Amino acid sequence: MRLRATTARFACRSLMVAIVLLAAGPAPASAEMSRETSISAGSFFAAAAVCEQHDQITKGQVEPMLKQIDQHLSRNNRRWISEGYQRGKTYAAIYVPETKSWTPSTADDTECQRIQAVLDEYKAILTPPAAKEPARK
């Protein structure tokens, strides 16, 4: 269990850095996500989609988030995220760039809670500041 938690933490850290870069707006090509980070992101979203399918997390989060992120991606990043998503779904695994390996994704309560926490962090980063403020009367 400790290994899985560490693996998830590695994957989440890489993805968080990538999302922060993307949310910052147009960036030079050097800020583009690496192939490994993109594949990891795709596999993470595949795991999140499985959690949604098993009613472990709220449904309807993954697709809108992928669409929102997609507008910031290069053609290569789109292709690699799609590749990671497909492999993640097919093999029920998450790619961890730091270890250059795939780790099984179980979609159990504990894993899905970690995935939801990361999705919540992504939402906080991707939501424009004006949308976070309550409406004024």
N, C-alpha and C. Protein backbone atom coordinates (compact mmCIF):
# COMPACT_ATOMS: atom_id res chain seq x y z
N MET A 1 0.83 -1.19 0.00
CA MET A 1 0.00 0.00 0.00
C MET A 1 0.87 1.25 0.00
N ARG A 2 1.97 1.23 0.75
CA ARG A 2 2.86 2.38 0.81
C ARG A 2 3.43 2.67 -0.57
N LEU A 3 3.80 1.63 -1.31
CA LEU A 3 4.34 1.81 -2.66
C LEU A 3 3.31 2.48 -3.56
N ARG A 4 2.06 2.05 -3.49
CA ARG A 4 1.01 2.64 -4.32
C ARG A 4 0.79 4.10 -3.97
N ALA A 5 0.81 4.44 -2.69
CA ALA A 5 0.61 5.83 -2.29
C ALA A 5 1.76 6.69 -2.80
N THR A 6 2.97 6.18 -2.71
CA THR A 6 4.14 6.91 -3.22
C THR A 6 4.04 7.07 -4.72
N THR A 7 3.65 6.03 -5.42
CA THR A 7 3.51 6.09 -6.87
C THR A 7 2.47 7.11 -7.26
N ALA A 8 1.36 7.12 -6.59
CA ALA A 8 0.30 8.09 -6.89
C ALA A 8 0.79 9.50 -6.64
N ARG A 9 1.57 9.68 -5.57
CA ARG A 9 2.09 11.01 -5.25
C ARG A 9 3.03 11.49 -6.35
N PHE A 10 3.91 10.60 -6.87
CA PHE A 10 4.80 10.96 -7.97
C PHE A 10 4.00 11.40 -9.19
N ALA A 11 3.02 10.60 -9.57
CA ALA A 11 2.22 10.91 -10.75
C ALA A 11 1.48 12.22 -10.57
N CYS A 12 0.91 12.43 -9.42
CA CYS A 12 0.14 13.65 -9.16
C CYS A 12 1.02 14.89 -9.19
N ARG A 13 2.24 14.79 -8.65
CA ARG A 13 3.14 15.94 -8.63
C ARG A 13 3.49 16.37 -10.05
N SER A 14 3.81 15.44 -10.92
CA SER A 14 4.12 15.78 -12.31
C SER A 14 2.94 16.41 -13.00
N LEU A 15 1.79 15.86 -12.78
CA LEU A 15 0.59 16.38 -13.42
C LEU A 15 0.26 17.77 -12.90
N MET A 16 0.44 18.01 -11.62
CA MET A 16 0.12 19.31 -11.06
C MET A 16 1.02 20.39 -11.68
N VAL A 17 2.31 20.09 -11.82
CA VAL A 17 3.23 21.04 -12.44
C VAL A 17 2.78 21.33 -13.87
N ALA A 18 2.40 20.30 -14.60
CA ALA A 18 1.95 20.47 -15.98
C ALA A 18 0.68 21.30 -16.05
N ILE A 19 -0.26 21.06 -15.18
CA ILE A 19 -1.51 21.81 -15.19
C ILE A 19 -1.25 23.28 -14.86
N VAL A 20 -0.37 23.54 -13.91
CA VAL A 20 -0.04 24.92 -13.56
C VAL A 20 0.56 25.63 -14.78
N LEU A 21 1.44 24.95 -15.50
CA LEU A 21 2.02 25.54 -16.71
C LEU A 21 0.94 25.84 -17.74
N LEU A 22 0.03 24.91 -17.93
CA LEU A 22 -1.02 25.09 -18.92
C LEU A 22 -1.97 26.21 -18.53
N ALA A 23 -2.32 26.27 -17.25
CA ALA A 23 -3.27 27.27 -16.79
C ALA A 23 -2.70 28.68 -16.84
N ALA A 24 -1.37 28.78 -16.88
CA ALA A 24 -0.74 30.10 -16.90
C ALA A 24 -0.96 30.83 -18.21
N GLY A 25 -1.48 30.12 -19.19
CA GLY A 25 -1.76 30.76 -20.47
C GLY A 25 -0.77 30.36 -21.53
N PRO A 26 -0.78 31.07 -22.66
CA PRO A 26 0.13 30.71 -23.74
C PRO A 26 1.57 30.73 -23.25
N ALA A 27 2.28 29.69 -23.58
CA ALA A 27 3.66 29.56 -23.13
C ALA A 27 4.54 29.16 -24.30
N PRO A 28 5.83 29.40 -24.18
CA PRO A 28 6.73 28.98 -25.24
C PRO A 28 6.77 27.47 -25.34
N ALA A 29 7.24 26.98 -26.47
CA ALA A 29 7.29 25.54 -26.71
C ALA A 29 8.08 24.82 -25.62
N SER A 30 9.07 25.49 -25.02
CA SER A 30 9.87 24.85 -23.99
C SER A 30 9.05 24.52 -22.74
N ALA A 31 7.90 25.17 -22.54
CA ALA A 31 7.04 24.92 -21.39
C ALA A 31 6.07 23.77 -21.66
N GLU A 32 6.10 23.25 -22.87
CA GLU A 32 5.23 22.15 -23.23
C GLU A 32 5.51 20.94 -22.33
N MET A 33 4.46 20.17 -22.06
CA MET A 33 4.64 18.97 -21.25
C MET A 33 5.47 17.95 -22.03
N SER A 34 6.28 17.20 -21.32
CA SER A 34 7.05 16.14 -21.94
C SER A 34 6.12 15.00 -22.35
N ARG A 35 6.62 14.13 -23.18
CA ARG A 35 5.83 12.97 -23.61
C ARG A 35 5.42 12.14 -22.39
N GLU A 36 6.38 11.89 -21.49
CA GLU A 36 6.09 11.07 -20.33
C GLU A 36 5.05 11.71 -19.41
N THR A 37 5.15 13.01 -19.20
CA THR A 37 4.16 13.70 -18.36
C THR A 37 2.79 13.66 -19.03
N SER A 38 2.76 13.83 -20.34
CA SER A 38 1.49 13.79 -21.07
C SER A 38 0.85 12.41 -20.98
N ILE A 39 1.65 11.37 -21.15
CA ILE A 39 1.13 10.00 -21.05
C ILE A 39 0.62 9.76 -19.63
N SER A 40 1.36 10.24 -18.64
CA SER A 40 0.93 10.10 -17.26
C SER A 40 -0.40 10.81 -17.03
N ALA A 41 -0.54 12.02 -17.57
CA ALA A 41 -1.79 12.76 -17.44
C ALA A 41 -2.94 11.97 -18.05
N GLY A 42 -2.73 11.44 -19.24
CA GLY A 42 -3.78 10.65 -19.89
C GLY A 42 -4.17 9.44 -19.06
N SER A 43 -3.17 8.75 -18.51
CA SER A 43 -3.47 7.56 -17.71
C SER A 43 -4.17 7.93 -16.41
N PHE A 44 -3.81 9.09 -15.84
CA PHE A 44 -4.50 9.57 -14.64
C PHE A 44 -5.97 9.83 -14.94
N PHE A 45 -6.25 10.50 -16.05
CA PHE A 45 -7.64 10.79 -16.40
C PHE A 45 -8.41 9.52 -16.73
N ALA A 46 -7.73 8.52 -17.26
CA ALA A 46 -8.38 7.22 -17.50
C ALA A 46 -8.79 6.59 -16.17
N ALA A 47 -7.89 6.66 -15.20
CA ALA A 47 -8.20 6.12 -13.87
C ALA A 47 -9.37 6.89 -13.24
N ALA A 48 -9.38 8.22 -13.43
CA ALA A 48 -10.48 9.03 -12.91
C ALA A 48 -11.80 8.64 -13.58
N ALA A 49 -11.75 8.39 -14.89
CA ALA A 49 -12.96 7.98 -15.61
C ALA A 49 -13.49 6.64 -15.09
N VAL A 50 -12.58 5.73 -14.76
CA VAL A 50 -13.01 4.45 -14.19
C VAL A 50 -13.64 4.66 -12.82
N CYS A 51 -13.06 5.55 -12.02
CA CYS A 51 -13.66 5.87 -10.72
C CYS A 51 -15.07 6.43 -10.90
N GLU A 52 -15.23 7.28 -11.91
CA GLU A 52 -16.58 7.80 -12.20
C GLU A 52 -17.53 6.67 -12.57
N GLN A 53 -17.07 5.77 -13.44
CA GLN A 53 -17.93 4.66 -13.89
C GLN A 53 -18.36 3.77 -12.73
N HIS A 54 -17.48 3.62 -11.74
CA HIS A 54 -17.79 2.77 -10.59
C HIS A 54 -18.47 3.54 -9.45
N ASP A 55 -18.89 4.79 -9.74
CA ASP A 55 -19.54 5.64 -8.74
C ASP A 55 -18.70 5.85 -7.49
N GLN A 56 -17.37 5.85 -7.66
CA GLN A 56 -16.47 6.11 -6.54
C GLN A 56 -16.23 7.61 -6.36
N ILE A 57 -16.43 8.38 -7.45
CA ILE A 57 -16.34 9.84 -7.42
C ILE A 57 -17.51 10.37 -8.23
N THR A 58 -17.77 11.66 -8.11
CA THR A 58 -18.88 12.29 -8.82
C THR A 58 -18.67 12.16 -10.32
N LYS A 59 -19.71 11.72 -11.01
CA LYS A 59 -19.64 11.58 -12.46
C LYS A 59 -19.65 12.94 -13.14
N GLY A 60 -19.10 12.97 -14.36
CA GLY A 60 -19.15 14.18 -15.17
C GLY A 60 -18.04 15.18 -14.93
N GLN A 61 -16.94 14.77 -14.32
CA GLN A 61 -15.83 15.68 -14.07
C GLN A 61 -14.73 15.56 -15.12
N VAL A 62 -14.45 14.36 -15.54
CA VAL A 62 -13.27 14.09 -16.37
C VAL A 62 -13.39 14.71 -17.76
N GLU A 63 -14.46 14.45 -18.44
CA GLU A 63 -14.60 14.95 -19.82
C GLU A 63 -14.53 16.47 -19.92
N PRO A 64 -15.28 17.21 -19.08
CA PRO A 64 -15.17 18.67 -19.16
C PRO A 64 -13.76 19.17 -18.85
N MET A 65 -13.09 18.52 -17.89
CA MET A 65 -11.74 18.94 -17.55
C MET A 65 -10.78 18.68 -18.70
N LEU A 66 -10.92 17.54 -19.35
CA LEU A 66 -10.08 17.24 -20.51
C LEU A 66 -10.31 18.25 -21.63
N LYS A 67 -11.56 18.63 -21.84
CA LYS A 67 -11.86 19.63 -22.86
C LYS A 67 -11.25 20.98 -22.51
N GLN A 68 -11.30 21.34 -21.23
CA GLN A 68 -10.75 22.62 -20.79
C GLN A 68 -9.22 22.63 -20.96
N ILE A 69 -8.58 21.54 -20.60
CA ILE A 69 -7.13 21.44 -20.73
C ILE A 69 -6.72 21.39 -22.20
N ASP A 70 -7.52 20.72 -23.01
CA ASP A 70 -7.20 20.51 -24.43
C ASP A 70 -6.89 21.81 -25.17
N GLN A 71 -7.57 22.88 -24.82
CA GLN A 71 -7.36 24.15 -25.52
C GLN A 71 -5.97 24.73 -25.29
N HIS A 72 -5.25 24.23 -24.29
CA HIS A 72 -3.91 24.72 -23.98
C HIS A 72 -2.81 23.79 -24.51
N LEU A 73 -3.19 22.69 -25.14
CA LEU A 73 -2.22 21.66 -25.51
C LEU A 73 -1.72 21.80 -26.94
N SER A 74 -0.50 21.36 -27.13
CA SER A 74 0.05 21.25 -28.48
C SER A 74 -0.50 19.96 -29.10
N ARG A 75 -0.28 19.83 -30.39
CA ARG A 75 -0.73 18.61 -31.08
C ARG A 75 -0.07 17.37 -30.46
N ASN A 76 1.23 17.47 -30.16
CA ASN A 76 1.93 16.34 -29.54
C ASN A 76 1.34 16.00 -28.19
N ASN A 77 1.12 17.03 -27.34
CA ASN A 77 0.54 16.77 -26.03
C ASN A 77 -0.82 16.11 -26.14
N ARG A 78 -1.64 16.56 -27.07
CA ARG A 78 -2.97 15.92 -27.27
C ARG A 78 -2.81 14.45 -27.63
N ARG A 79 -1.90 14.18 -28.54
CA ARG A 79 -1.69 12.80 -28.99
C ARG A 79 -1.18 11.93 -27.83
N TRP A 80 -0.23 12.44 -27.06
CA TRP A 80 0.34 11.66 -25.96
C TRP A 80 -0.65 11.47 -24.83
N ILE A 81 -1.46 12.48 -24.53
CA ILE A 81 -2.49 12.32 -23.50
C ILE A 81 -3.50 11.26 -23.95
N SER A 82 -3.88 11.31 -25.21
CA SER A 82 -4.79 10.30 -25.74
C SER A 82 -4.18 8.90 -25.64
N GLU A 83 -2.90 8.81 -25.96
CA GLU A 83 -2.19 7.53 -25.86
C GLU A 83 -2.20 7.02 -24.41
N GLY A 84 -1.89 7.90 -23.46
CA GLY A 84 -1.89 7.51 -22.06
C GLY A 84 -3.28 7.13 -21.57
N TYR A 85 -4.29 7.88 -22.04
CA TYR A 85 -5.67 7.58 -21.67
C TYR A 85 -6.06 6.18 -22.15
N GLN A 86 -5.77 5.89 -23.41
CA GLN A 86 -6.14 4.59 -23.98
C GLN A 86 -5.40 3.45 -23.29
N ARG A 87 -4.09 3.62 -23.09
CA ARG A 87 -3.32 2.56 -22.41
C ARG A 87 -3.77 2.41 -20.97
N GLY A 88 -4.04 3.53 -20.30
CA GLY A 88 -4.49 3.47 -18.92
C GLY A 88 -5.80 2.72 -18.79
N LYS A 89 -6.73 2.98 -19.72
CA LYS A 89 -8.03 2.28 -19.71
C LYS A 89 -7.85 0.80 -20.04
N THR A 90 -7.06 0.54 -21.07
CA THR A 90 -6.86 -0.84 -21.53
C THR A 90 -6.21 -1.71 -20.46
N TYR A 91 -5.17 -1.17 -19.82
CA TYR A 91 -4.39 -1.97 -18.87
C TYR A 91 -4.70 -1.67 -17.41
N ALA A 92 -5.67 -0.77 -17.15
CA ALA A 92 -6.02 -0.39 -15.78
C ALA A 92 -4.76 -0.04 -14.99
N ALA A 93 -4.02 0.95 -15.54
CA ALA A 93 -2.75 1.34 -14.92
C ALA A 93 -2.51 2.84 -15.10
N ILE A 94 -1.65 3.38 -14.23
CA ILE A 94 -1.24 4.79 -14.30
C ILE A 94 0.25 4.82 -14.56
N TYR A 95 0.67 5.66 -15.53
CA TYR A 95 2.09 5.78 -15.84
C TYR A 95 2.73 6.81 -14.91
N VAL A 96 3.87 6.44 -14.32
CA VAL A 96 4.60 7.30 -13.40
C VAL A 96 5.92 7.71 -14.06
N PRO A 97 6.02 8.98 -14.49
CA PRO A 97 7.22 9.41 -15.21
C PRO A 97 8.52 9.26 -14.42
N GLU A 98 8.47 9.54 -13.12
CA GLU A 98 9.69 9.48 -12.31
C GLU A 98 10.32 8.09 -12.28
N THR A 99 9.47 7.07 -12.33
CA THR A 99 9.99 5.70 -12.29
C THR A 99 9.95 5.04 -13.67
N LYS A 100 9.38 5.77 -14.64
CA LYS A 100 9.23 5.25 -16.01
C LYS A 100 8.56 3.87 -16.02
N SER A 101 7.48 3.77 -15.23
CA SER A 101 6.79 2.49 -15.14
C SER A 101 5.29 2.70 -14.98
N TRP A 102 4.57 1.64 -15.25
CA TRP A 102 3.11 1.63 -15.08
C TRP A 102 2.80 0.93 -13.78
N THR A 103 1.86 1.49 -13.03
CA THR A 103 1.44 0.86 -11.78
C THR A 103 -0.06 0.57 -11.87
N PRO A 104 -0.48 -0.57 -11.37
CA PRO A 104 -1.90 -0.92 -11.47
C PRO A 104 -2.81 0.13 -10.83
N SER A 105 -3.93 0.35 -11.46
CA SER A 105 -4.95 1.25 -10.94
C SER A 105 -6.15 0.39 -10.55
N THR A 106 -6.54 0.45 -9.28
CA THR A 106 -7.57 -0.45 -8.79
C THR A 106 -8.97 0.16 -8.73
N ALA A 107 -9.06 1.48 -8.79
CA ALA A 107 -10.35 2.18 -8.67
C ALA A 107 -11.07 1.80 -7.38
N ASP A 108 -10.29 1.55 -6.32
CA ASP A 108 -10.91 1.28 -5.02
C ASP A 108 -11.16 2.60 -4.30
N ASP A 109 -11.79 2.54 -3.14
CA ASP A 109 -12.14 3.76 -2.40
C ASP A 109 -10.93 4.65 -2.14
N THR A 110 -9.85 4.07 -1.67
CA THR A 110 -8.66 4.86 -1.32
C THR A 110 -8.07 5.54 -2.54
N GLU A 111 -7.88 4.80 -3.61
CA GLU A 111 -7.30 5.38 -4.82
C GLU A 111 -8.21 6.46 -5.40
N CYS A 112 -9.49 6.19 -5.45
CA CYS A 112 -10.43 7.16 -6.02
C CYS A 112 -10.52 8.42 -5.17
N GLN A 113 -10.34 8.30 -3.86
CA GLN A 113 -10.31 9.49 -3.01
C GLN A 113 -9.09 10.35 -3.35
N ARG A 114 -7.94 9.70 -3.57
CA ARG A 114 -6.72 10.45 -3.96
C ARG A 114 -6.94 11.11 -5.32
N ILE A 115 -7.54 10.37 -6.24
CA ILE A 115 -7.80 10.92 -7.57
C ILE A 115 -8.74 12.11 -7.47
N GLN A 116 -9.78 12.01 -6.65
CA GLN A 116 -10.71 13.13 -6.49
C GLN A 116 -10.00 14.34 -5.91
N ALA A 117 -9.11 14.13 -4.97
CA ALA A 117 -8.37 15.25 -4.37
C ALA A 117 -7.54 15.97 -5.44
N VAL A 118 -6.92 15.21 -6.33
CA VAL A 118 -6.13 15.83 -7.40
C VAL A 118 -7.05 16.54 -8.38
N LEU A 119 -8.17 15.93 -8.73
CA LEU A 119 -9.13 16.60 -9.61
C LEU A 119 -9.59 17.92 -9.00
N ASP A 120 -9.83 17.93 -7.70
CA ASP A 120 -10.24 19.17 -7.02
C ASP A 120 -9.14 20.23 -7.12
N GLU A 121 -7.88 19.82 -6.99
CA GLU A 121 -6.78 20.77 -7.13
C GLU A 121 -6.71 21.30 -8.55
N TYR A 122 -6.90 20.43 -9.54
CA TYR A 122 -6.89 20.86 -10.94
C TYR A 122 -8.00 21.88 -11.18
N LYS A 123 -9.20 21.58 -10.65
CA LYS A 123 -10.32 22.50 -10.83
C LYS A 123 -9.99 23.87 -10.24
N ALA A 124 -9.35 23.88 -9.07
CA ALA A 124 -8.99 25.15 -8.44
C ALA A 124 -8.01 25.93 -9.30
N ILE A 125 -7.10 25.25 -9.96
CA ILE A 125 -6.11 25.90 -10.82
C ILE A 125 -6.75 26.38 -12.11
N LEU A 126 -7.63 25.56 -12.67
CA LEU A 126 -8.21 25.86 -13.98
C LEU A 126 -9.38 26.83 -13.92
N THR A 127 -9.97 27.03 -12.75
CA THR A 127 -11.11 27.93 -12.64
C THR A 127 -10.61 29.37 -12.59
N PRO A 128 -11.07 30.20 -13.53
CA PRO A 128 -10.63 31.60 -13.53
C PRO A 128 -11.01 32.29 -12.22
N PRO A 129 -10.18 33.23 -11.75
CA PRO A 129 -10.46 33.91 -10.47
C PRO A 129 -11.85 34.53 -10.41
N ALA A 130 -12.33 35.11 -11.50
CA ALA A 130 -13.67 35.73 -11.49
C ALA A 130 -14.75 34.69 -11.22
N ALA A 131 -14.56 33.46 -11.68
CA ALA A 131 -15.56 32.42 -11.48
C ALA A 131 -15.54 31.91 -10.03
N LYS A 132 -14.45 32.13 -9.32
CA LYS A 132 -14.34 31.66 -7.94
C LYS A 132 -15.02 32.61 -6.96
N GLU A 133 -15.16 33.88 -7.34
CA GLU A 133 -15.75 34.86 -6.44
C GLU A 133 -17.27 34.75 -6.45
N PRO A 134 -17.89 34.89 -5.28
CA PRO A 134 -19.36 34.85 -5.25
C PRO A 134 -19.93 36.09 -5.98
N ALA A 135 -21.11 35.89 -6.53
CA ALA A 135 -21.77 37.00 -7.25
C ALA A 135 -22.09 38.10 -6.25
N ARG A 136 -21.88 39.34 -6.68
CA ARG A 136 -22.19 40.50 -5.83
C ARG A 136 -23.60 40.96 -6.11
N LYS A 137 -24.25 41.43 -5.06
CA LYS A 137 -25.62 41.91 -5.22
C LYS A 137 -25.66 43.40 -5.35
